[in-house]
Amino acid sequence: MRISQRSCFVAGVAVLLIYNLARGLGAFDRFDRVSTMLFFGAFVVLASLAQLTTADLGLARADAGRGVAYGIAALLIIAAALVVVAVIPATAVFFDDARGDVSGLRLLFQVAVPYLIFTIIPEEFAFRGVLLASGRELWDDRTATFVSSALFGLWHITAALGMMSVNRQVNDVGTTLGGTMLVEAGAVIATFGAGLVFCWLRLRSRSLLAPVIAHLATNGGALLVASLVRK
């Protein structure tokens, strides 16, 4: 059985919508990691049915070195930006996050396992792999980048609601309906912007490794800054 690229893209958006709604309703609370693997598996199936190649998905071995090079360059830039944020009191307070109450080996484990395996790899495969690849067959690269990044931004609506319970500054803002809407809008815009950068890295390097490394640097670096702020 083979499906068209349009069907692949539409089905991918349907998976995002169903999964996000179920997550928002608390359906996966006790089985969050299992559900993430099912989410990842759904996109693997879609990629197979649409007959997307390793090159389409950014997984070609020949492009791996280029992907690592771009990823490391992005990592260094992100690390420098986070250092600046961490040393400025006015911005450091926004990293006062309960998820930063870890240190040492536990911090490394948190970045290497939950973040990398259960967040970054599934998201990158879905957004910068399958959705971007099928989108490029439907539109030009610029439109495909914009659409997949917009979906990436909307994908984080539920995550922003969860952040209100662990981040003191965000929780203070989100005590009213207007504040909650402001937090949600900020999360969508920020992750939309990140999606644009990740798509650029994917297309420029031709490898999914570049946005995976940049995504890891962003999430892992933010957790490290939160850990330092909480001490």
Protein backbone atom coordinates (compact mmCIF):
# COMPACT_ATOMS: atom_id res chain seq x y z
CA MET A 1 0.00 0.00 0.00
CA ARG A 2 1.27 3.42 -0.94
CA ILE A 3 -0.15 6.81 -0.03
CA SER A 4 0.41 10.18 -1.69
CA GLN A 5 2.52 12.91 -0.15
CA ARG A 6 -0.65 14.94 0.40
CA SER A 7 -2.25 12.05 2.29
CA CYS A 8 0.95 11.62 4.28
CA PHE A 9 0.95 15.27 5.30
CA VAL A 10 -2.77 15.33 6.18
CA ALA A 11 -2.46 12.11 8.17
CA GLY A 12 0.58 13.53 9.98
CA VAL A 13 -1.37 16.63 11.00
CA ALA A 14 -4.21 14.37 12.19
CA VAL A 15 -1.75 12.42 14.36
CA LEU A 16 -0.47 15.69 15.87
CA LEU A 17 -4.00 16.89 16.62
CA ILE A 18 -5.24 13.64 18.15
CA TYR A 19 -2.11 13.11 20.21
CA ASN A 20 -2.01 16.68 21.50
CA LEU A 21 -5.70 16.66 22.45
CA ALA A 22 -5.30 13.35 24.27
CA ARG A 23 -2.20 14.60 26.06
CA GLY A 24 -3.96 17.80 27.07
CA LEU A 25 -6.82 15.78 28.55
CA GLY A 26 -4.35 13.77 30.63
CA ALA A 27 -4.84 10.50 28.76
CA PHE A 28 -1.12 9.69 28.79
CA ASP A 29 -0.12 10.75 32.29
CA ARG A 30 0.95 7.27 33.43
CA PHE A 31 2.06 6.10 29.98
CA ASP A 32 3.72 9.22 28.63
CA ARG A 33 6.84 7.50 27.29
CA VAL A 34 4.90 4.64 25.76
CA SER A 35 2.59 7.12 24.04
CA THR A 36 5.61 9.02 22.69
CA MET A 37 6.95 5.85 21.10
CA LEU A 38 3.52 5.21 19.56
CA PHE A 39 3.58 8.79 18.22
CA PHE A 40 7.04 8.18 16.76
CA GLY A 41 5.90 4.84 15.34
CA ALA A 42 2.94 6.46 13.60
CA PHE A 43 5.29 8.77 11.69
CA VAL A 44 7.60 5.88 10.82
CA VAL A 45 4.58 4.11 9.31
CA LEU A 46 3.58 7.24 7.39
CA ALA A 47 7.12 7.66 6.04
CA SER A 48 7.08 4.05 4.90
CA LEU A 49 3.65 4.27 3.26
CA ALA A 50 4.62 7.48 1.46
CA GLN A 51 7.90 5.81 0.41
CA LEU A 52 10.01 8.68 1.70
CA THR A 53 13.70 7.93 1.22
CA THR A 54 16.47 8.38 3.78
CA ALA A 55 17.54 11.48 1.85
CA ASP A 56 13.97 12.85 1.99
CA LEU A 57 13.99 12.39 5.77
CA GLY A 58 17.50 13.75 6.31
CA LEU A 59 18.81 10.34 7.31
CA ALA A 60 21.23 9.67 4.45
CA ARG A 61 24.57 8.46 5.79
CA ALA A 62 26.46 10.59 3.27
CA ASP A 63 25.06 13.79 4.84
CA ALA A 64 25.69 12.82 8.48
CA GLY A 65 29.04 14.61 8.77
CA ARG A 66 27.60 17.81 7.35
CA GLY A 67 24.69 17.53 9.76
CA VAL A 68 26.99 17.13 12.76
CA ALA A 69 29.07 20.13 11.67
CA TYR A 70 26.02 22.38 11.36
CA GLY A 71 24.61 21.01 14.59
CA ILE A 72 27.76 21.71 16.57
CA ALA A 73 27.93 25.25 15.16
CA ALA A 74 24.32 25.79 16.27
CA LEU A 75 25.09 24.27 19.67
CA LEU A 76 27.92 26.76 20.26
CA ILE A 77 25.72 29.72 19.31
CA ILE A 78 22.88 28.50 21.54
CA ALA A 79 25.28 27.87 24.43
CA ALA A 80 26.66 31.41 24.13
CA ALA A 81 23.14 32.87 24.11
CA LEU A 82 22.17 30.86 27.19
CA VAL A 83 25.27 32.03 29.05
CA VAL A 84 24.26 35.64 28.39
CA VAL A 85 20.71 34.91 29.59
CA ALA A 86 22.00 33.15 32.71
CA VAL A 87 24.27 36.00 33.84
CA ILE A 88 21.66 38.75 33.46
CA PRO A 89 19.41 38.75 36.57
CA ALA A 90 16.43 40.19 34.68
CA THR A 91 16.39 37.26 32.26
CA ALA A 92 17.74 34.51 34.52
CA VAL A 93 14.59 34.63 36.67
CA PHE A 94 12.58 33.20 33.77
CA PHE A 95 14.57 29.98 34.18
CA ASP A 96 13.42 29.54 37.78
CA ASP A 97 11.90 26.22 36.86
CA ALA A 98 11.22 23.26 39.15
CA ARG A 99 12.51 20.93 36.42
CA GLY A 100 15.95 22.37 37.18
CA ASP A 101 16.02 20.75 40.64
CA VAL A 102 18.50 18.17 39.38
CA SER A 103 22.27 18.13 39.20
CA GLY A 104 25.25 15.97 38.33
CA LEU A 105 24.58 12.57 36.78
CA ARG A 106 20.84 13.00 37.17
CA LEU A 107 20.99 16.13 35.01
CA LEU A 108 22.98 14.31 32.32
CA PHE A 109 20.51 11.42 32.38
CA GLN A 110 17.57 13.83 32.09
CA VAL A 111 19.09 15.39 28.97
CA ALA A 112 20.30 12.15 27.38
CA VAL A 113 17.23 9.98 27.94
CA PRO A 114 13.89 11.77 28.52
CA TYR A 115 14.78 14.82 26.44
CA LEU A 116 16.73 13.20 23.60
CA ILE A 117 14.93 9.88 23.22
CA PHE A 118 11.39 10.76 24.27
CA THR A 119 11.13 14.35 23.05
CA ILE A 120 13.72 15.52 20.56
CA ILE A 121 14.12 12.52 18.26
CA PRO A 122 10.36 11.89 17.87
CA GLU A 123 9.65 15.59 17.31
CA GLU A 124 12.47 16.07 14.82
CA PHE A 125 11.51 12.96 12.87
CA ALA A 126 7.90 14.14 12.75
CA PHE A 127 8.38 17.85 12.01
CA ARG A 128 11.72 18.16 10.21
CA GLY A 129 11.55 14.64 8.81
CA VAL A 130 8.15 13.44 7.62
CA LEU A 131 6.11 16.67 7.61
CA LEU A 132 8.84 18.79 6.04
CA ALA A 133 9.63 16.11 3.44
CA SER A 134 6.00 15.62 2.40
CA GLY A 135 5.43 19.38 2.54
CA ARG A 136 8.31 19.95 0.13
CA GLU A 137 6.55 17.67 -2.36
CA LEU A 138 3.41 19.80 -2.09
CA TRP A 139 4.93 23.30 -1.99
CA ASP A 140 8.26 25.07 -2.31
CA ASP A 141 10.82 24.85 0.50
CA ARG A 142 9.84 28.22 1.99
CA THR A 143 6.16 27.32 2.29
CA ALA A 144 6.93 23.85 3.63
CA THR A 145 9.23 25.39 6.23
CA PHE A 146 6.62 27.94 7.29
CA VAL A 147 3.79 25.39 7.57
CA SER A 148 5.79 22.75 9.45
CA SER A 149 7.14 25.43 11.81
CA ALA A 150 3.63 26.80 12.43
CA LEU A 151 2.52 23.27 13.33
CA PHE A 152 5.54 22.97 15.63
CA GLY A 153 4.48 26.17 17.38
CA LEU A 154 0.88 25.00 17.83
CA TRP A 155 2.17 21.63 19.04
CA HIS A 156 3.55 23.38 22.14
CA ILE A 157 0.24 24.81 23.36
CA THR A 158 -0.28 21.90 25.74
CA ALA A 159 3.35 22.01 26.87
CA ALA A 160 2.99 25.71 27.73
CA LEU A 161 0.06 24.91 30.02
CA GLY A 162 2.20 22.35 31.81
CA MET A 163 5.04 24.83 32.17
CA MET A 164 2.82 27.10 34.27
CA SER A 165 2.93 24.59 37.12
CA VAL A 166 6.72 24.33 37.26
CA ASN A 167 7.99 27.79 36.28
CA ARG A 168 7.44 30.48 38.92
CA GLN A 169 7.55 33.47 36.57
CA VAL A 170 5.25 31.85 34.01
CA ASN A 171 2.87 30.74 36.76
CA ASP A 172 2.65 34.30 38.09
CA VAL A 173 1.77 35.62 34.63
CA GLY A 174 -0.75 32.85 33.99
CA THR A 175 -2.99 33.53 36.99
CA THR A 176 -5.56 35.28 34.77
CA LEU A 177 -7.15 34.35 31.45
CA GLY A 178 -5.30 37.18 29.73
CA GLY A 179 -2.04 36.07 31.28
CA THR A 180 -2.61 32.47 30.21
CA MET A 181 -3.30 33.59 26.65
CA LEU A 182 -0.12 35.68 26.74
CA VAL A 183 1.93 32.68 27.89
CA GLU A 184 0.38 30.49 25.19
CA ALA A 185 1.02 33.08 22.49
CA GLY A 186 4.61 33.50 23.64
CA ALA A 187 5.19 29.75 23.58
CA VAL A 188 3.72 29.37 20.10
CA ILE A 189 5.73 32.28 18.69
CA ALA A 190 8.97 31.14 20.32
CA THR A 191 8.66 27.55 19.14
CA PHE A 192 7.53 28.69 15.69
CA GLY A 193 10.77 30.69 15.50
CA ALA A 194 12.77 27.70 16.71
CA GLY A 195 11.04 25.57 14.08
CA LEU A 196 12.14 27.97 11.34
CA VAL A 197 15.75 27.70 12.53
CA PHE A 198 15.58 23.90 12.82
CA CYS A 199 14.12 23.65 9.31
CA TRP A 200 16.87 25.87 7.96
CA LEU A 201 19.48 23.66 9.58
CA ARG A 202 17.81 20.55 8.16
CA LEU A 203 17.65 21.92 4.63
CA ARG A 204 21.04 23.60 4.69
CA SER A 205 22.87 20.56 6.03
CA ARG A 206 20.60 18.00 4.30
CA SER A 207 20.70 16.05 7.56
CA LEU A 208 18.27 15.60 10.44
CA LEU A 209 21.26 15.45 12.78
CA ALA A 210 21.70 19.22 12.61
CA PRO A 211 18.29 20.13 14.09
CA VAL A 212 18.50 17.21 16.53
CA ILE A 213 21.73 18.62 17.98
CA ALA A 214 20.38 22.19 18.00
CA HIS A 215 17.15 21.02 19.66
CA LEU A 216 19.15 19.10 22.26
CA ALA A 217 21.30 22.17 22.93
CA THR A 218 18.19 24.31 23.40
CA ASN A 219 16.32 21.96 25.73
CA GLY A 220 19.37 20.64 27.56
CA GLY A 221 20.92 24.08 27.88
CA ALA A 222 17.70 25.52 29.28
CA LEU A 223 17.60 22.72 31.86
CA LEU A 224 21.22 23.40 32.82
CA VAL A 225 20.51 27.13 33.27
CA ALA A 226 17.42 26.26 35.35
CA SER A 227 19.56 24.00 37.51
CA LEU A 228 22.06 26.81 38.12
CA VAL A 229 19.32 29.36 38.83
CA ARG A 230 17.66 27.05 41.37
CA LYS A 231 20.86 26.65 43.40
